[in-house]
Amino acid sequence: MTSSISVSAHIMHSQEAIMRIPYLGGRTNIAAALELARTRVFIPSAGDRQDAPNYILLFTDGTANIQQDQTIPQAVQDRIHGIRIAAAGVGTDLNLVELKGIVSNPTEMNIFTVNSFVQLDDLAERLVQATCNGKSG
């Protein structure tokens, strides 16, 4: 029972953290974000643990518009390094081909979309469930 309570508390905390992410708009350099996660976040000196899975939850409202040619190669490098990637797309201008190239397999279980930022609350619960329950690849 304690484990179930702990997981529920973690899910609620994660949902609250996702909802506090501000929307800044503008330029989108997904390649740089993916590289930064691999080279500066998921490393032992930054607190990475080998016994804990590494997840990237990428939030986007469109497509990469800076270093577009490096987006997929950076995602491939992340996945080679064992980082699992899921993407949350918001809006109607999403580049689903790009998202399929970024996320881990199976892609259909790692791409989550909503039509507007108002729906982020529903999306947050789906993302946390998928990553916390190990359903993403």
N, C-alpha and C. Protein backbone atom coordinates (compact mmCIF):
# COMPACT_ATOMS: atom_id res chain seq x y z
N MET A 1 0.81 -1.19 0.00
CA MET A 1 0.00 0.00 0.00
C MET A 1 0.86 1.26 0.00
N THR A 2 1.96 1.23 0.74
CA THR A 2 2.84 2.38 0.79
C THR A 2 3.37 2.71 -0.60
N SER A 3 3.70 1.69 -1.37
CA SER A 3 4.20 1.90 -2.72
C SER A 3 3.16 2.61 -3.58
N SER A 4 1.92 2.21 -3.47
CA SER A 4 0.84 2.84 -4.24
C SER A 4 0.66 4.29 -3.85
N ILE A 5 0.74 4.59 -2.57
CA ILE A 5 0.62 5.98 -2.10
C ILE A 5 1.80 6.79 -2.62
N SER A 6 2.99 6.22 -2.57
CA SER A 6 4.18 6.91 -3.04
C SER A 6 4.09 7.23 -4.53
N VAL A 7 3.64 6.28 -5.33
CA VAL A 7 3.48 6.49 -6.77
C VAL A 7 2.44 7.57 -7.03
N SER A 8 1.33 7.54 -6.31
CA SER A 8 0.29 8.55 -6.49
C SER A 8 0.80 9.94 -6.15
N ALA A 9 1.57 10.04 -5.08
CA ALA A 9 2.14 11.34 -4.69
C ALA A 9 3.11 11.83 -5.75
N HIS A 10 3.91 10.91 -6.29
CA HIS A 10 4.87 11.27 -7.34
C HIS A 10 4.13 11.75 -8.59
N ILE A 11 3.07 11.08 -8.95
CA ILE A 11 2.28 11.47 -10.12
C ILE A 11 1.70 12.86 -9.93
N MET A 12 1.13 13.12 -8.75
CA MET A 12 0.56 14.44 -8.49
C MET A 12 1.63 15.52 -8.53
N HIS A 13 2.79 15.25 -7.94
CA HIS A 13 3.89 16.22 -7.95
C HIS A 13 4.35 16.49 -9.38
N SER A 14 4.45 15.43 -10.18
CA SER A 14 4.89 15.58 -11.57
C SER A 14 3.89 16.39 -12.38
N GLN A 15 2.60 16.14 -12.17
CA GLN A 15 1.57 16.88 -12.88
C GLN A 15 1.63 18.36 -12.52
N GLU A 16 1.82 18.66 -11.25
CA GLU A 16 1.92 20.06 -10.82
C GLU A 16 3.14 20.73 -11.45
N ALA A 17 4.26 20.02 -11.51
CA ALA A 17 5.47 20.59 -12.11
C ALA A 17 5.26 20.87 -13.59
N ILE A 18 4.62 19.96 -14.29
CA ILE A 18 4.35 20.16 -15.72
C ILE A 18 3.47 21.38 -15.92
N MET A 19 2.48 21.55 -15.09
CA MET A 19 1.55 22.67 -15.25
C MET A 19 2.22 24.01 -14.95
N ARG A 20 3.33 24.02 -14.21
CA ARG A 20 4.03 25.27 -13.89
C ARG A 20 5.02 25.69 -14.97
N ILE A 21 5.22 24.88 -15.99
CA ILE A 21 6.15 25.23 -17.06
C ILE A 21 5.55 26.39 -17.85
N PRO A 22 6.25 27.52 -17.91
CA PRO A 22 5.69 28.67 -18.64
C PRO A 22 5.80 28.47 -20.15
N TYR A 23 4.83 29.01 -20.85
CA TYR A 23 4.88 28.99 -22.31
C TYR A 23 5.57 30.27 -22.77
N LEU A 24 6.70 30.13 -23.43
CA LEU A 24 7.47 31.28 -23.87
C LEU A 24 7.29 31.60 -25.34
N GLY A 25 6.96 30.62 -26.15
CA GLY A 25 6.77 30.85 -27.58
C GLY A 25 8.07 31.22 -28.28
N GLY A 26 7.99 31.37 -29.59
CA GLY A 26 9.16 31.84 -30.34
C GLY A 26 9.95 30.74 -31.00
N ARG A 27 11.26 30.86 -30.89
CA ARG A 27 12.17 29.96 -31.59
C ARG A 27 12.25 28.60 -30.91
N THR A 28 12.52 27.57 -31.73
CA THR A 28 12.51 26.20 -31.22
C THR A 28 13.78 25.47 -31.67
N ASN A 29 14.67 25.22 -30.73
CA ASN A 29 15.91 24.50 -31.02
C ASN A 29 15.88 23.17 -30.27
N ILE A 30 15.15 22.22 -30.83
CA ILE A 30 15.00 20.91 -30.20
C ILE A 30 16.34 20.18 -30.17
N ALA A 31 17.14 20.32 -31.21
CA ALA A 31 18.44 19.66 -31.27
C ALA A 31 19.31 20.06 -30.08
N ALA A 32 19.36 21.34 -29.77
CA ALA A 32 20.17 21.81 -28.64
C ALA A 32 19.65 21.25 -27.32
N ALA A 33 18.33 21.19 -27.17
CA ALA A 33 17.75 20.65 -25.94
C ALA A 33 18.10 19.18 -25.77
N LEU A 34 18.01 18.41 -26.86
CA LEU A 34 18.33 16.98 -26.79
C LEU A 34 19.81 16.76 -26.48
N GLU A 35 20.67 17.56 -27.09
CA GLU A 35 22.10 17.45 -26.82
C GLU A 35 22.42 17.84 -25.38
N LEU A 36 21.81 18.90 -24.91
CA LEU A 36 22.03 19.35 -23.54
C LEU A 36 21.63 18.28 -22.53
N ALA A 37 20.50 17.65 -22.75
CA ALA A 37 20.05 16.59 -21.84
C ALA A 37 21.09 15.47 -21.77
N ARG A 38 21.58 15.06 -22.92
CA ARG A 38 22.54 13.94 -22.97
C ARG A 38 23.90 14.32 -22.38
N THR A 39 24.38 15.53 -22.65
CA THR A 39 25.75 15.89 -22.29
C THR A 39 25.89 16.64 -20.96
N ARG A 40 24.77 17.21 -20.45
CA ARG A 40 24.88 17.99 -19.22
C ARG A 40 23.91 17.59 -18.11
N VAL A 41 22.86 16.87 -18.46
CA VAL A 41 21.87 16.49 -17.45
C VAL A 41 22.04 15.02 -17.07
N PHE A 42 22.04 14.14 -18.05
CA PHE A 42 22.12 12.71 -17.78
C PHE A 42 23.57 12.25 -17.70
N ILE A 43 24.31 12.84 -16.76
CA ILE A 43 25.71 12.49 -16.52
C ILE A 43 25.91 12.35 -15.01
N PRO A 44 26.83 11.48 -14.60
CA PRO A 44 27.03 11.25 -13.16
C PRO A 44 27.29 12.53 -12.36
N SER A 45 28.08 13.45 -12.89
CA SER A 45 28.40 14.66 -12.13
C SER A 45 27.19 15.57 -11.93
N ALA A 46 26.12 15.33 -12.68
CA ALA A 46 24.88 16.10 -12.51
C ALA A 46 23.85 15.31 -11.70
N GLY A 47 24.26 14.15 -11.17
CA GLY A 47 23.37 13.36 -10.34
C GLY A 47 22.72 12.17 -11.02
N ASP A 48 23.08 11.91 -12.28
CA ASP A 48 22.50 10.76 -12.99
C ASP A 48 22.91 9.47 -12.29
N ARG A 49 21.95 8.56 -12.19
CA ARG A 49 22.20 7.26 -11.57
C ARG A 49 22.00 6.17 -12.61
N GLN A 50 22.92 5.21 -12.66
CA GLN A 50 22.82 4.12 -13.62
C GLN A 50 21.62 3.23 -13.36
N ASP A 51 21.14 3.17 -12.12
CA ASP A 51 20.02 2.29 -11.79
C ASP A 51 18.66 2.96 -12.00
N ALA A 52 18.65 4.18 -12.51
CA ALA A 52 17.38 4.91 -12.74
C ALA A 52 17.25 5.22 -14.23
N PRO A 53 16.08 4.98 -14.80
CA PRO A 53 15.90 5.29 -16.23
C PRO A 53 15.93 6.79 -16.48
N ASN A 54 16.41 7.16 -17.64
CA ASN A 54 16.45 8.57 -18.05
C ASN A 54 15.36 8.82 -19.07
N TYR A 55 14.53 9.82 -18.79
CA TYR A 55 13.44 10.19 -19.67
C TYR A 55 13.56 11.64 -20.08
N ILE A 56 13.26 11.90 -21.33
CA ILE A 56 13.06 13.27 -21.81
C ILE A 56 11.59 13.37 -22.18
N LEU A 57 10.91 14.36 -21.62
CA LEU A 57 9.55 14.69 -22.03
C LEU A 57 9.64 16.00 -22.78
N LEU A 58 9.56 15.91 -24.09
CA LEU A 58 9.70 17.07 -24.97
C LEU A 58 8.34 17.71 -25.20
N PHE A 59 8.21 18.98 -24.86
CA PHE A 59 6.99 19.72 -25.11
C PHE A 59 7.23 20.64 -26.30
N THR A 60 6.31 20.62 -27.27
CA THR A 60 6.46 21.47 -28.45
C THR A 60 5.10 21.90 -28.97
N ASP A 61 5.10 23.05 -29.64
CA ASP A 61 3.86 23.52 -30.26
C ASP A 61 4.03 23.65 -31.77
N GLY A 62 5.06 23.02 -32.29
CA GLY A 62 5.27 23.14 -33.73
C GLY A 62 6.38 22.23 -34.21
N THR A 63 7.39 22.86 -34.78
CA THR A 63 8.50 22.12 -35.35
C THR A 63 9.80 22.86 -35.03
N ALA A 64 10.91 22.15 -35.09
CA ALA A 64 12.20 22.80 -34.87
C ALA A 64 12.41 23.85 -35.95
N ASN A 65 12.88 25.04 -35.55
CA ASN A 65 13.18 26.07 -36.54
C ASN A 65 14.60 26.61 -36.39
N ILE A 66 15.38 25.99 -35.55
CA ILE A 66 16.81 26.27 -35.41
C ILE A 66 17.52 24.92 -35.42
N GLN A 67 18.57 24.78 -36.19
CA GLN A 67 19.32 23.53 -36.32
C GLN A 67 18.41 22.35 -36.65
N GLN A 68 17.44 22.58 -37.54
CA GLN A 68 16.49 21.53 -37.89
C GLN A 68 17.19 20.26 -38.36
N ASP A 69 18.28 20.40 -39.09
CA ASP A 69 18.98 19.24 -39.63
C ASP A 69 19.66 18.39 -38.55
N GLN A 70 19.78 18.93 -37.34
CA GLN A 70 20.41 18.19 -36.25
C GLN A 70 19.41 17.58 -35.27
N THR A 71 18.14 17.88 -35.45
CA THR A 71 17.13 17.42 -34.50
C THR A 71 17.08 15.90 -34.42
N ILE A 72 16.87 15.23 -35.53
CA ILE A 72 16.77 13.77 -35.53
C ILE A 72 18.10 13.12 -35.12
N PRO A 73 19.25 13.57 -35.67
CA PRO A 73 20.52 12.96 -35.23
C PRO A 73 20.76 13.09 -33.73
N GLN A 74 20.39 14.21 -33.12
CA GLN A 74 20.57 14.36 -31.67
C GLN A 74 19.65 13.40 -30.91
N ALA A 75 18.43 13.24 -31.41
CA ALA A 75 17.49 12.29 -30.78
C ALA A 75 18.03 10.87 -30.87
N VAL A 76 18.59 10.51 -32.01
CA VAL A 76 19.16 9.18 -32.19
C VAL A 76 20.31 8.97 -31.19
N GLN A 77 21.16 9.97 -31.03
CA GLN A 77 22.26 9.86 -30.06
C GLN A 77 21.73 9.68 -28.64
N ASP A 78 20.68 10.41 -28.29
CA ASP A 78 20.08 10.25 -26.96
C ASP A 78 19.59 8.83 -26.77
N ARG A 79 18.87 8.32 -27.77
CA ARG A 79 18.33 6.96 -27.65
C ARG A 79 19.45 5.92 -27.58
N ILE A 80 20.52 6.12 -28.33
CA ILE A 80 21.68 5.22 -28.28
C ILE A 80 22.26 5.19 -26.86
N HIS A 81 22.24 6.35 -26.20
CA HIS A 81 22.75 6.45 -24.83
C HIS A 81 21.73 5.98 -23.79
N GLY A 82 20.63 5.38 -24.23
CA GLY A 82 19.67 4.79 -23.32
C GLY A 82 18.62 5.75 -22.77
N ILE A 83 18.54 6.93 -23.34
CA ILE A 83 17.54 7.91 -22.89
C ILE A 83 16.24 7.63 -23.62
N ARG A 84 15.17 7.51 -22.87
CA ARG A 84 13.85 7.30 -23.47
C ARG A 84 13.22 8.66 -23.71
N ILE A 85 12.65 8.84 -24.89
CA ILE A 85 12.09 10.14 -25.27
C ILE A 85 10.61 10.00 -25.59
N ALA A 86 9.81 10.86 -24.98
CA ALA A 86 8.39 10.99 -25.30
C ALA A 86 8.17 12.45 -25.66
N ALA A 87 7.18 12.72 -26.48
CA ALA A 87 6.89 14.08 -26.90
C ALA A 87 5.44 14.44 -26.66
N ALA A 88 5.24 15.65 -26.19
CA ALA A 88 3.91 16.21 -25.99
C ALA A 88 3.75 17.36 -26.97
N GLY A 89 2.85 17.19 -27.92
CA GLY A 89 2.61 18.22 -28.91
C GLY A 89 1.33 18.96 -28.60
N VAL A 90 1.40 20.29 -28.69
CA VAL A 90 0.25 21.14 -28.40
C VAL A 90 -0.07 21.97 -29.63
N GLY A 91 -1.30 21.88 -30.09
CA GLY A 91 -1.73 22.71 -31.22
C GLY A 91 -1.93 21.93 -32.49
N THR A 92 -2.16 22.68 -33.56
CA THR A 92 -2.46 22.07 -34.85
C THR A 92 -1.33 22.20 -35.85
N ASP A 93 -0.23 22.85 -35.46
CA ASP A 93 0.91 23.03 -36.37
C ASP A 93 2.05 22.08 -36.06
N LEU A 94 1.74 20.91 -35.56
CA LEU A 94 2.76 19.95 -35.17
C LEU A 94 3.35 19.25 -36.39
N ASN A 95 4.63 18.96 -36.33
CA ASN A 95 5.29 18.18 -37.36
C ASN A 95 5.40 16.75 -36.84
N LEU A 96 4.39 15.95 -37.15
CA LEU A 96 4.35 14.58 -36.63
C LEU A 96 5.46 13.70 -37.20
N VAL A 97 5.90 13.98 -38.41
CA VAL A 97 7.02 13.22 -38.98
C VAL A 97 8.27 13.46 -38.13
N GLU A 98 8.51 14.72 -37.78
CA GLU A 98 9.66 15.04 -36.94
C GLU A 98 9.52 14.40 -35.56
N LEU A 99 8.35 14.48 -34.97
CA LEU A 99 8.14 13.87 -33.66
C LEU A 99 8.37 12.37 -33.69
N LYS A 100 7.92 11.70 -34.74
CA LYS A 100 8.15 10.25 -34.86
C LYS A 100 9.64 9.94 -34.96
N GLY A 101 10.41 10.84 -35.55
CA GLY A 101 11.86 10.64 -35.64
C GLY A 101 12.58 10.91 -34.33
N ILE A 102 11.94 11.67 -33.45
CA ILE A 102 12.55 12.03 -32.18
C ILE A 102 12.29 10.99 -31.10
N VAL A 103 11.05 10.55 -30.97
CA VAL A 103 10.66 9.74 -29.81
C VAL A 103 11.16 8.31 -29.89
N SER A 104 11.13 7.66 -28.74
CA SER A 104 11.50 6.25 -28.64
C SER A 104 10.39 5.39 -29.24
N ASN A 105 10.75 4.17 -29.60
CA ASN A 105 9.77 3.20 -30.09
C ASN A 105 9.10 2.53 -28.91
N PRO A 106 7.88 2.14 -29.04
CA PRO A 106 7.00 2.36 -30.19
C PRO A 106 6.49 3.80 -30.22
N THR A 107 6.60 4.43 -31.37
CA THR A 107 6.28 5.85 -31.49
C THR A 107 4.85 6.17 -31.08
N GLU A 108 3.92 5.27 -31.39
CA GLU A 108 2.51 5.56 -31.07
C GLU A 108 2.26 5.62 -29.57
N MET A 109 3.16 5.07 -28.78
CA MET A 109 3.00 5.13 -27.32
C MET A 109 3.82 6.27 -26.70
N ASN A 110 4.56 6.99 -27.53
CA ASN A 110 5.45 8.03 -27.02
C ASN A 110 5.17 9.41 -27.60
N ILE A 111 4.10 9.54 -28.36
CA ILE A 111 3.67 10.85 -28.86
C ILE A 111 2.28 11.12 -28.29
N PHE A 112 2.16 12.24 -27.63
CA PHE A 112 0.90 12.65 -27.01
C PHE A 112 0.55 14.02 -27.56
N THR A 113 -0.68 14.21 -27.99
CA THR A 113 -1.06 15.49 -28.56
C THR A 113 -2.37 16.00 -27.97
N VAL A 114 -2.46 17.32 -27.92
CA VAL A 114 -3.69 18.02 -27.55
C VAL A 114 -3.81 19.22 -28.49
N ASN A 115 -5.01 19.73 -28.64
CA ASN A 115 -5.23 20.83 -29.57
C ASN A 115 -4.89 22.20 -29.01
N SER A 116 -4.90 22.35 -27.67
CA SER A 116 -4.62 23.66 -27.09
C SER A 116 -3.97 23.52 -25.72
N PHE A 117 -3.39 24.61 -25.26
CA PHE A 117 -2.73 24.61 -23.95
C PHE A 117 -3.72 24.41 -22.81
N VAL A 118 -5.00 24.70 -23.04
CA VAL A 118 -6.04 24.49 -22.04
C VAL A 118 -6.14 23.01 -21.69
N GLN A 119 -5.80 22.15 -22.62
CA GLN A 119 -5.91 20.70 -22.43
C GLN A 119 -4.66 20.09 -21.80
N LEU A 120 -3.70 20.90 -21.39
CA LEU A 120 -2.46 20.36 -20.83
C LEU A 120 -2.68 19.54 -19.56
N ASP A 121 -3.68 19.86 -18.80
CA ASP A 121 -3.94 19.10 -17.58
C ASP A 121 -4.20 17.64 -17.91
N ASP A 122 -5.03 17.38 -18.92
CA ASP A 122 -5.30 16.00 -19.34
C ASP A 122 -4.04 15.34 -19.87
N LEU A 123 -3.26 16.11 -20.62
CA LEU A 123 -2.03 15.58 -21.20
C LEU A 123 -1.03 15.23 -20.11
N ALA A 124 -0.94 16.04 -19.09
CA ALA A 124 0.02 15.78 -18.00
C ALA A 124 -0.23 14.43 -17.37
N GLU A 125 -1.47 14.10 -17.11
CA GLU A 125 -1.79 12.81 -16.49
C GLU A 125 -1.39 11.65 -17.40
N ARG A 126 -1.67 11.77 -18.69
CA ARG A 126 -1.30 10.70 -19.64
C ARG A 126 0.21 10.51 -19.70
N LEU A 127 0.97 11.63 -19.70
CA LEU A 127 2.43 11.54 -19.76
C LEU A 127 3.00 10.88 -18.53
N VAL A 128 2.54 11.30 -17.38
CA VAL A 128 3.06 10.73 -16.14
C VAL A 128 2.73 9.24 -16.06
N GLN A 129 1.53 8.85 -16.42
CA GLN A 129 1.15 7.45 -16.39
C GLN A 129 2.06 6.63 -17.33
N ALA A 130 2.30 7.15 -18.53
CA ALA A 130 3.11 6.41 -19.50
C ALA A 130 4.55 6.25 -19.03
N THR A 131 5.15 7.30 -18.47
CA THR A 131 6.54 7.21 -18.07
C THR A 131 6.71 6.52 -16.72
N CYS A 132 5.83 6.79 -15.77
CA CYS A 132 5.96 6.19 -14.43
C CYS A 132 5.62 4.71 -14.42
N ASN A 133 4.81 4.28 -15.34
CA ASN A 133 4.42 2.86 -15.42
C ASN A 133 5.29 2.09 -16.39
N GLY A 134 6.30 2.73 -16.97
CA GLY A 134 7.21 2.03 -17.86
C GLY A 134 6.60 1.63 -19.17
N LYS A 135 5.54 2.31 -19.62
CA LYS A 135 4.89 1.92 -20.86
C LYS A 135 5.60 2.46 -22.08
N SER A 136 6.45 3.47 -21.93
CA SER A 136 7.14 3.98 -23.11
C SER A 136 8.42 3.20 -23.30
N GLY A 137 8.86 3.10 -24.57
CA GLY A 137 10.01 2.25 -24.86
C GLY A 137 11.31 2.89 -24.78
